[in-house]
Amino acid sequence: MNIIPKHPSIKGPTDMFSGDVYFDVIAKGESPSRLRVNSVHFAPCARTAWHCHASGQTLHVTEGVGLVQSRGGDVIEMRPGDTIYTPPGEWHWHGAAPNHFMTHLAMWENLSEDQDVPETTWGEQVSDVEYRA
């Protein structure tokens, strides 16, 4: 058994997030595990940039009200208890609704060492027009 003490929350980098976003690393996929889990905390209107994951991603909302969108799809509201799965290679973004904070668990797998693709590919920031669609 290995008990890992809580570390300080990390401010989301501005090339990956807009607005005030902080995350706490829960699991970081140390071999042989490939599981990664972050608890991500979004202030109102804060959100990720467009991105996709080589192994897909699962989100589980724990509090607040959030928004999520796949490229070309509708913006969907998500609430506590909702679980959202984006398959490998699907471009998407997620964040807090305009008048609510939102926290979710973000879960994905890192890649095996023999795969020559990035674990997460980051794109452009989500515009205000896209966010309010």
C-alpha atoms as a PDB file:
ATOM      1  CA  MET A   1       0.000   0.000   0.000  1.00  0.00           C
ATOM      2  CA  ASN A   2       1.183   3.499  -0.808  1.00  0.00           C
ATOM      3  CA  ILE A   3      -0.544   6.510   0.732  1.00  0.00           C
ATOM      4  CA  ILE A   4       0.143   9.633  -1.274  1.00  0.00           C
ATOM      5  CA  PRO A   5      -0.379  12.858   0.677  1.00  0.00           C
ATOM      6  CA  LYS A   6      -2.463  15.626  -0.860  1.00  0.00           C
ATOM      7  CA  HIS A   7      -0.366  18.093  -2.840  1.00  0.00           C
ATOM      8  CA  PRO A   8      -1.304  21.727  -3.516  1.00  0.00           C
ATOM      9  CA  SER A   9      -3.823  22.306  -6.306  1.00  0.00           C
ATOM     10  CA  ILE A  10      -2.316  23.190  -9.692  1.00  0.00           C
ATOM     11  CA  LYS A  11      -3.467  26.202 -11.746  1.00  0.00           C
ATOM     12  CA  GLY A  12      -4.532  25.107 -15.225  1.00  0.00           C
ATOM     13  CA  PRO A  13      -2.059  26.304 -17.879  1.00  0.00           C
ATOM     14  CA  THR A  14      -3.387  29.152 -20.064  1.00  0.00           C
ATOM     15  CA  ASP A  15      -2.661  27.263 -23.300  1.00  0.00           C
ATOM     16  CA  MET A  16      -5.012  24.457 -22.170  1.00  0.00           C
ATOM     17  CA  PHE A  17      -7.649  26.382 -20.163  1.00  0.00           C
ATOM     18  CA  SER A  18      -9.371  29.755 -20.148  1.00  0.00           C
ATOM     19  CA  GLY A  19     -10.616  31.324 -16.931  1.00  0.00           C
ATOM     20  CA  ASP A  20      -9.838  30.102 -13.430  1.00  0.00           C
ATOM     21  CA  VAL A  21      -9.261  26.348 -13.453  1.00  0.00           C
ATOM     22  CA  TYR A  22      -7.420  24.315 -10.838  1.00  0.00           C
ATOM     23  CA  PHE A  23      -6.831  20.593 -10.684  1.00  0.00           C
ATOM     24  CA  ASP A  24      -5.748  18.018  -8.157  1.00  0.00           C
ATOM     25  CA  VAL A  25      -3.896  14.939  -9.402  1.00  0.00           C
ATOM     26  CA  ILE A  26      -5.453  11.825  -7.899  1.00  0.00           C
ATOM     27  CA  ALA A  27      -3.750   9.114 -10.002  1.00  0.00           C
ATOM     28  CA  LYS A  28      -0.969   9.635 -12.505  1.00  0.00           C
ATOM     29  CA  GLY A  29      -0.598   6.281 -14.184  1.00  0.00           C
ATOM     30  CA  GLU A  30       2.594   4.931 -12.690  1.00  0.00           C
ATOM     31  CA  SER A  31       3.572   1.602 -14.245  1.00  0.00           C
ATOM     32  CA  PRO A  32       2.038  -0.884 -14.499  1.00  0.00           C
ATOM     33  CA  SER A  33      -1.123   1.216 -14.150  1.00  0.00           C
ATOM     34  CA  ARG A  34      -1.993   3.549 -17.011  1.00  0.00           C
ATOM     35  CA  LEU A  35      -4.931   5.210 -15.213  1.00  0.00           C
ATOM     36  CA  ARG A  36      -4.881   8.985 -14.835  1.00  0.00           C
ATOM     37  CA  VAL A  37      -7.444  10.808 -12.695  1.00  0.00           C
ATOM     38  CA  ASN A  38      -7.664  14.529 -11.934  1.00  0.00           C
ATOM     39  CA  SER A  39     -10.279  16.399  -9.940  1.00  0.00           C
ATOM     40  CA  VAL A  40     -10.772  19.583 -11.984  1.00  0.00           C
ATOM     41  CA  HIS A  41     -12.375  22.712 -10.511  1.00  0.00           C
ATOM     42  CA  PHE A  42     -13.797  25.350 -12.896  1.00  0.00           C
ATOM     43  CA  ALA A  43     -14.972  28.862 -11.975  1.00  0.00           C
ATOM     44  CA  PRO A  44     -18.032  30.179 -13.889  1.00  0.00           C
ATOM     45  CA  CYS A  45     -17.312  30.381 -17.661  1.00  0.00           C
ATOM     46  CA  ALA A  46     -13.903  28.677 -17.255  1.00  0.00           C
ATOM     47  CA  ARG A  47     -13.247  25.881 -19.715  1.00  0.00           C
ATOM     48  CA  THR A  48     -10.716  23.715 -21.490  1.00  0.00           C
ATOM     49  CA  ALA A  49      -9.381  24.421 -24.950  1.00  0.00           C
ATOM     50  CA  TRP A  50     -10.430  22.048 -27.722  1.00  0.00           C
ATOM     51  CA  HIS A  51      -8.618  18.753 -27.232  1.00  0.00           C
ATOM     52  CA  CYS A  52      -8.755  15.010 -27.860  1.00  0.00           C
ATOM     53  CA  HIS A  53      -7.317  11.969 -26.102  1.00  0.00           C
ATOM     54  CA  ALA A  54      -5.621   9.037 -27.817  1.00  0.00           C
ATOM     55  CA  SER A  55      -7.321   6.594 -25.410  1.00  0.00           C
ATOM     56  CA  GLY A  56     -10.570   8.530 -24.867  1.00  0.00           C
ATOM     57  CA  GLN A  57     -11.700  10.290 -21.692  1.00  0.00           C
ATOM     58  CA  THR A  58     -14.396   9.839 -19.067  1.00  0.00           C
ATOM     59  CA  LEU A  59     -15.724  12.781 -17.039  1.00  0.00           C
ATOM     60  CA  HIS A  60     -17.824  12.410 -13.897  1.00  0.00           C
ATOM     61  CA  VAL A  61     -19.410  15.587 -12.535  1.00  0.00           C
ATOM     62  CA  THR A  62     -19.242  15.801  -8.747  1.00  0.00           C
ATOM     63  CA  GLU A  63     -20.673  19.289  -8.150  1.00  0.00           C
ATOM     64  CA  GLY A  64     -22.024  22.359  -9.911  1.00  0.00           C
ATOM     65  CA  VAL A  65     -23.260  22.769 -13.467  1.00  0.00           C
ATOM     66  CA  GLY A  66     -21.037  22.308 -16.500  1.00  0.00           C
ATOM     67  CA  LEU A  67     -21.056  22.326 -20.266  1.00  0.00           C
ATOM     68  CA  VAL A  68     -19.483  19.902 -22.722  1.00  0.00           C
ATOM     69  CA  GLN A  69     -19.365  19.817 -26.521  1.00  0.00           C
ATOM     70  CA  SER A  70     -17.928  17.552 -29.197  1.00  0.00           C
ATOM     71  CA  ARG A  71     -16.769  19.349 -32.337  1.00  0.00           C
ATOM     72  CA  GLY A  72     -19.782  19.837 -34.589  1.00  0.00           C
ATOM     73  CA  GLY A  73     -22.241  18.814 -31.861  1.00  0.00           C
ATOM     74  CA  ASP A  74     -24.545  20.652 -29.508  1.00  0.00           C
ATOM     75  CA  VAL A  75     -23.382  22.172 -26.229  1.00  0.00           C
ATOM     76  CA  ILE A  76     -24.758  19.865 -23.521  1.00  0.00           C
ATOM     77  CA  GLU A  77     -25.376  20.741 -19.877  1.00  0.00           C
ATOM     78  CA  MET A  78     -23.960  18.325 -17.300  1.00  0.00           C
ATOM     79  CA  ARG A  79     -24.846  18.051 -13.610  1.00  0.00           C
ATOM     80  CA  PRO A  80     -23.659  16.115 -10.544  1.00  0.00           C
ATOM     81  CA  GLY A  81     -23.836  12.379 -11.123  1.00  0.00           C
ATOM     82  CA  ASP A  82     -23.575  12.706 -14.932  1.00  0.00           C
ATOM     83  CA  THR A  83     -20.829  10.678 -16.600  1.00  0.00           C
ATOM     84  CA  ILE A  84     -19.632  11.640 -20.085  1.00  0.00           C
ATOM     85  CA  TYR A  85     -17.413   9.502 -22.305  1.00  0.00           C
ATOM     86  CA  THR A  86     -15.539  10.890 -25.302  1.00  0.00           C
ATOM     87  CA  PRO A  87     -14.026   8.176 -27.509  1.00  0.00           C
ATOM     88  CA  PRO A  88     -10.424   8.197 -28.730  1.00  0.00           C
ATOM     89  CA  GLY A  89      -9.680  11.036 -31.149  1.00  0.00           C
ATOM     90  CA  GLU A  90     -12.945  12.943 -30.536  1.00  0.00           C
ATOM     91  CA  TRP A  91     -12.314  16.699 -30.298  1.00  0.00           C
ATOM     92  CA  HIS A  92     -14.222  18.249 -27.402  1.00  0.00           C
ATOM     93  CA  TRP A  93     -14.160  20.833 -24.616  1.00  0.00           C
ATOM     94  CA  HIS A  94     -15.729  21.029 -21.160  1.00  0.00           C
ATOM     95  CA  GLY A  95     -16.088  23.599 -18.410  1.00  0.00           C
ATOM     96  CA  ALA A  96     -18.392  25.437 -16.034  1.00  0.00           C
ATOM     97  CA  ALA A  97     -21.722  26.992 -16.985  1.00  0.00           C
ATOM     98  CA  PRO A  98     -21.861  30.826 -16.982  1.00  0.00           C
ATOM     99  CA  ASN A  99     -23.347  31.203 -13.488  1.00  0.00           C
ATOM    100  CA  HIS A 100     -22.013  28.110 -11.735  1.00  0.00           C
ATOM    101  CA  PHE A 101     -18.818  26.556 -10.497  1.00  0.00           C
ATOM    102  CA  MET A 102     -18.285  22.955 -11.625  1.00  0.00           C
ATOM    103  CA  THR A 103     -16.022  20.123 -10.516  1.00  0.00           C
ATOM    104  CA  HIS A 104     -15.522  16.857 -12.333  1.00  0.00           C
ATOM    105  CA  LEU A 105     -13.254  13.869 -12.210  1.00  0.00           C
ATOM    106  CA  ALA A 106     -11.359  13.546 -15.498  1.00  0.00           C
ATOM    107  CA  MET A 107     -10.240   9.970 -16.168  1.00  0.00           C
ATOM    108  CA  TRP A 108      -8.131   8.671 -19.021  1.00  0.00           C
ATOM    109  CA  GLU A 109      -5.247   6.310 -19.699  1.00  0.00           C
ATOM    110  CA  ASN A 110      -1.739   7.231 -20.610  1.00  0.00           C
ATOM    111  CA  LEU A 111      -0.306   5.397 -23.573  1.00  0.00           C
ATOM    112  CA  SER A 112       1.870   2.341 -23.601  1.00  0.00           C
ATOM    113  CA  GLU A 113       5.497   3.042 -24.394  1.00  0.00           C
ATOM    114  CA  ASP A 114       5.262   1.537 -27.894  1.00  0.00           C
ATOM    115  CA  GLN A 115       2.644   4.058 -29.107  1.00  0.00           C
ATOM    116  CA  ASP A 116       4.027   7.030 -31.013  1.00  0.00           C
ATOM    117  CA  VAL A 117       1.134   9.491 -30.570  1.00  0.00           C
ATOM    118  CA  PRO A 118       0.545  12.154 -27.926  1.00  0.00           C
ATOM    119  CA  GLU A 119      -1.626  11.157 -24.976  1.00  0.00           C
ATOM    120  CA  THR A 120      -3.639  14.398 -25.335  1.00  0.00           C
ATOM    121  CA  THR A 121      -3.629  16.715 -28.334  1.00  0.00           C
ATOM    122  CA  TRP A 122      -4.491  20.335 -27.523  1.00  0.00           C
ATOM    123  CA  GLY A 123      -6.032  22.732 -30.036  1.00  0.00           C
ATOM    124  CA  GLU A 124      -7.259  26.299 -30.046  1.00  0.00           C
ATOM    125  CA  GLN A 125      -9.147  28.010 -27.231  1.00  0.00           C
ATOM    126  CA  VAL A 126     -12.940  27.750 -27.277  1.00  0.00           C
ATOM    127  CA  SER A 127     -14.287  31.116 -28.429  1.00  0.00           C
ATOM    128  CA  ASP A 128     -17.016  32.963 -26.530  1.00  0.00           C
ATOM    129  CA  VAL A 129     -19.311  32.353 -29.531  1.00  0.00           C
ATOM    130  CA  GLU A 130     -18.698  28.577 -29.371  1.00  0.00           C
ATOM    131  CA  TYR A 131     -19.113  28.591 -25.589  1.00  0.00           C
ATOM    132  CA  ARG A 132     -22.457  30.405 -25.709  1.00  0.00           C
ATOM    133  CA  ALA A 133     -23.855  28.366 -28.630  1.00  0.00           C
END
